[in-house]
Amino acid sequence: DSTNFLKPEIIWSYEAGVKGTLLGNSLSYDLAVYYYDWSHFQSSELNTSTLKFVATDAGKAHSFGIETGLQYRFAQGSSLFANYGFIDGKFNDKGENGQTQEYAGNTFRLTPKHSFSAGANVVVPVQKQAAVYFRPSYSFKSKVYFEDENTDQLSQKGYGLANLNAGITFVSGKCFYDLGLYSKNLFDKEYTID
């Protein structure tokens, strides 16, 4: 085995954002915009003779993204939320010396262009020291590639997952109890992680 020495990966990052509250602090919001500029983006590729992945210098790359979120508190301890993210992360067409890059225009691996989540946290008091809670949520991610070559055979199409958490909380003596049930991937959606 030989050691593969790479140049340091350098990232210039720029970000701006704003967050605050409205409607008497019932509605909170945040918005962030960012841009990253890479030199010597570190990637990996399969060595076909050894069938091992080796680190490589994929050259120049960049990403532009937006992240935003809202949370609305409609009752004591109860709220609704929604978040959205957009990221356009790609390899540049040209490298530092003006040469065409191997992954020119390709999307970064495991980087969905769109992601979204929404849900609720509903708490209903049933006694002075007891409450029932209900927390449904849904999340979605758009198509991702599992490698920087961006072949459709090694990709996952967009999918959404529903989750549910429900239960009761109560105080007895000096102890706080939480009895709950939860389901991740409530509708048994099949998808590939990596």
Protein backbone atom coordinates (compact mmCIF):
# COMPACT_ATOMS: atom_id res chain seq x y z
CA ASP A 1 0.00 0.00 0.00
CA SER A 2 1.21 3.51 -0.78
CA THR A 3 0.35 6.73 0.99
CA ASN A 4 -1.59 9.30 -1.02
CA PHE A 5 -0.58 12.85 -0.09
CA LEU A 6 -3.06 15.60 -0.92
CA LYS A 7 -2.85 19.37 -0.82
CA PRO A 8 -4.78 20.98 2.06
CA GLU A 9 -8.48 21.53 1.36
CA ILE A 10 -9.18 25.27 1.63
CA ILE A 11 -12.69 26.68 2.07
CA TRP A 12 -13.72 30.32 1.95
CA SER A 13 -17.17 30.68 3.47
CA TYR A 14 -19.56 33.63 3.43
CA GLU A 15 -22.82 33.70 5.36
CA ALA A 16 -25.49 36.23 6.23
CA GLY A 17 -28.68 35.74 8.17
CA VAL A 18 -31.49 37.22 10.15
CA LYS A 19 -33.76 35.90 12.87
CA GLY A 20 -36.42 37.34 15.09
CA THR A 21 -39.94 37.13 16.44
CA LEU A 22 -43.35 38.55 15.49
CA LEU A 23 -46.92 38.50 16.79
CA GLY A 24 -45.96 39.11 20.40
CA ASN A 25 -43.18 36.49 20.28
CA SER A 26 -45.60 33.79 19.09
CA LEU A 27 -43.95 33.49 15.67
CA SER A 28 -40.19 33.05 15.40
CA TYR A 29 -38.31 32.99 12.10
CA ASP A 30 -34.80 32.60 10.78
CA LEU A 31 -33.20 32.93 7.35
CA ALA A 32 -29.60 32.27 6.37
CA VAL A 33 -27.87 32.54 2.99
CA TYR A 34 -24.38 31.15 2.46
CA TYR A 35 -21.73 30.56 -0.18
CA TYR A 36 -18.70 28.25 0.07
CA ASP A 37 -15.71 28.26 -2.29
CA TRP A 38 -13.38 25.22 -2.20
CA SER A 39 -9.87 24.65 -3.44
CA HIS A 40 -8.53 21.07 -3.47
CA PHE A 41 -11.94 19.58 -2.63
CA GLN A 42 -11.21 16.19 -1.11
CA SER A 43 -13.18 13.34 -2.62
CA SER A 44 -12.69 9.59 -3.02
CA GLU A 45 -12.68 7.24 -5.96
CA LEU A 46 -12.60 3.48 -6.39
CA ASN A 47 -9.24 2.00 -7.35
CA THR A 48 -10.37 -0.73 -9.75
CA SER A 49 -7.20 -2.80 -9.31
CA THR A 50 -7.39 -2.95 -5.48
CA LEU A 51 -11.17 -2.41 -5.14
CA LYS A 52 -10.48 0.13 -2.39
CA PHE A 53 -11.54 3.75 -2.19
CA VAL A 54 -8.67 6.23 -2.19
CA ALA A 55 -8.69 9.94 -1.36
CA THR A 56 -8.35 12.28 -4.32
CA ASP A 57 -8.11 16.00 -5.01
CA ALA A 58 -11.27 16.82 -6.97
CA GLY A 59 -10.17 20.44 -7.60
CA LYS A 60 -12.35 23.52 -7.25
CA ALA A 61 -15.96 23.48 -6.11
CA HIS A 62 -18.62 25.80 -4.73
CA SER A 63 -22.00 25.73 -3.04
CA PHE A 64 -24.78 28.24 -2.60
CA GLY A 65 -27.46 27.61 -0.03
CA ILE A 66 -30.48 29.00 1.78
CA GLU A 67 -31.90 27.76 5.08
CA THR A 68 -35.11 29.07 6.60
CA GLY A 69 -37.42 28.12 9.42
CA LEU A 70 -40.64 29.15 11.14
CA GLN A 71 -42.11 28.21 14.51
CA TYR A 72 -45.54 29.31 15.69
CA ARG A 73 -46.52 28.88 19.35
CA PHE A 74 -50.32 28.75 19.39
CA ALA A 75 -50.83 27.65 23.02
CA GLN A 76 -48.86 27.07 26.22
CA GLY A 77 -46.25 24.43 25.31
CA SER A 78 -47.74 23.80 21.84
CA SER A 79 -46.29 24.84 18.51
CA LEU A 80 -46.06 24.23 14.77
CA PHE A 81 -42.80 24.32 12.83
CA ALA A 82 -41.55 24.22 9.25
CA ASN A 83 -38.00 24.30 7.84
CA TYR A 84 -36.70 24.45 4.27
CA GLY A 85 -33.20 24.13 2.90
CA PHE A 86 -31.83 24.64 -0.59
CA ILE A 87 -28.25 23.84 -1.56
CA ASP A 88 -26.62 23.94 -4.96
CA GLY A 89 -23.24 22.30 -4.34
CA LYS A 90 -21.23 21.57 -7.48
CA PHE A 91 -17.77 21.07 -8.85
CA ASN A 92 -16.51 23.98 -10.95
CA ASP A 93 -16.12 23.49 -14.69
CA LYS A 94 -12.48 24.62 -14.60
CA GLY A 95 -9.68 23.97 -12.11
CA GLU A 96 -7.02 26.32 -10.77
CA ASN A 97 -5.02 26.17 -13.99
CA GLY A 98 -8.02 26.51 -16.32
CA GLN A 99 -8.19 22.79 -17.12
CA THR A 100 -11.54 21.00 -17.40
CA GLN A 101 -12.24 19.11 -14.18
CA GLU A 102 -13.17 15.43 -14.02
CA TYR A 103 -16.40 16.10 -12.10
CA ALA A 104 -17.23 19.39 -13.85
CA GLY A 105 -20.82 20.43 -13.05
CA ASN A 106 -21.52 17.37 -10.89
CA THR A 107 -23.41 17.64 -7.61
CA PHE A 108 -21.69 16.76 -4.33
CA ARG A 109 -22.41 13.26 -3.03
CA LEU A 110 -25.16 12.92 -0.39
CA THR A 111 -26.29 16.52 -0.96
CA PRO A 112 -30.02 16.94 -1.63
CA LYS A 113 -30.87 20.13 -3.49
CA HIS A 114 -34.10 20.50 -1.50
CA SER A 115 -34.93 19.43 2.04
CA PHE A 116 -38.08 20.18 4.01
CA SER A 117 -39.51 19.31 7.40
CA ALA A 118 -42.71 20.23 9.22
CA GLY A 119 -44.46 19.13 12.34
CA ALA A 120 -46.33 19.94 15.49
CA ASN A 121 -45.87 19.65 19.21
CA VAL A 122 -49.32 19.62 20.82
CA VAL A 123 -49.53 19.48 24.62
CA VAL A 124 -52.94 19.16 26.31
CA PRO A 125 -53.11 19.41 30.11
CA VAL A 126 -55.40 16.73 31.58
CA GLN A 127 -54.73 17.44 35.27
CA LYS A 128 -52.76 20.00 37.24
CA GLN A 129 -49.55 17.96 36.97
CA ALA A 130 -50.24 15.79 33.91
CA ALA A 131 -50.44 16.40 30.17
CA VAL A 132 -50.89 14.42 26.99
CA TYR A 133 -48.58 15.20 24.06
CA PHE A 134 -48.80 14.51 20.33
CA ARG A 135 -45.83 15.17 18.02
CA PRO A 136 -46.28 14.29 14.36
CA SER A 137 -43.57 15.30 11.87
CA TYR A 138 -42.69 14.86 8.21
CA SER A 139 -39.35 15.31 6.44
CA PHE A 140 -38.42 15.23 2.76
CA LYS A 141 -35.10 15.10 0.89
CA SER A 142 -34.73 15.37 -2.87
CA LYS A 143 -32.53 13.09 -4.99
CA VAL A 144 -28.96 12.42 -3.88
CA TYR A 145 -25.99 10.75 -5.52
CA PHE A 146 -23.83 8.38 -3.51
CA GLU A 147 -20.62 9.32 -5.33
CA ASP A 148 -19.24 12.39 -7.06
CA GLU A 149 -19.42 10.74 -10.52
CA ASN A 150 -23.23 11.26 -10.36
CA THR A 151 -24.34 8.01 -11.99
CA ASP A 152 -28.07 7.29 -11.70
CA GLN A 153 -27.38 3.67 -10.75
CA LEU A 154 -25.76 4.95 -7.53
CA SER A 155 -28.39 7.45 -6.48
CA GLN A 156 -31.47 7.69 -4.27
CA LYS A 157 -34.57 9.43 -5.59
CA GLY A 158 -36.35 11.94 -3.37
CA TYR A 159 -38.40 10.57 -0.50
CA GLY A 160 -40.34 11.65 2.58
CA LEU A 161 -40.64 10.13 6.03
CA ALA A 162 -43.45 10.51 8.56
CA ASN A 163 -42.77 10.16 12.28
CA LEU A 164 -45.06 10.16 15.30
CA ASN A 165 -44.39 10.53 18.99
CA ALA A 166 -47.23 10.52 21.55
CA GLY A 167 -47.60 9.98 25.25
CA ILE A 168 -48.31 11.41 28.67
CA THR A 169 -46.16 13.27 31.17
CA PHE A 170 -46.93 13.61 34.85
CA VAL A 171 -45.36 14.48 38.18
CA SER A 172 -45.65 12.16 41.16
CA GLY A 173 -43.91 13.19 44.35
CA LYS A 174 -40.50 14.52 43.37
CA CYS A 175 -40.28 12.55 40.12
CA PHE A 176 -41.21 13.50 36.56
CA TYR A 177 -42.48 10.68 34.36
CA ASP A 178 -42.86 10.41 30.59
CA LEU A 179 -44.67 7.41 29.12
CA GLY A 180 -44.63 7.50 25.36
CA LEU A 181 -44.80 5.64 22.09
CA TYR A 182 -42.93 6.64 18.98
CA SER A 183 -42.70 5.53 15.39
CA LYS A 184 -39.92 6.54 13.02
CA ASN A 185 -40.78 6.02 9.36
CA LEU A 186 -44.44 5.46 10.24
CA PHE A 187 -45.44 4.21 6.76
CA ASP A 188 -42.37 1.96 6.33
CA LYS A 189 -40.89 3.87 3.39
CA GLU A 190 -37.95 1.97 1.87
CA TYR A 191 -34.92 4.05 0.99
CA THR A 192 -31.14 3.77 0.80
CA ILE A 193 -28.91 5.68 3.23
CA ASP A 194 -25.49 5.01 1.66
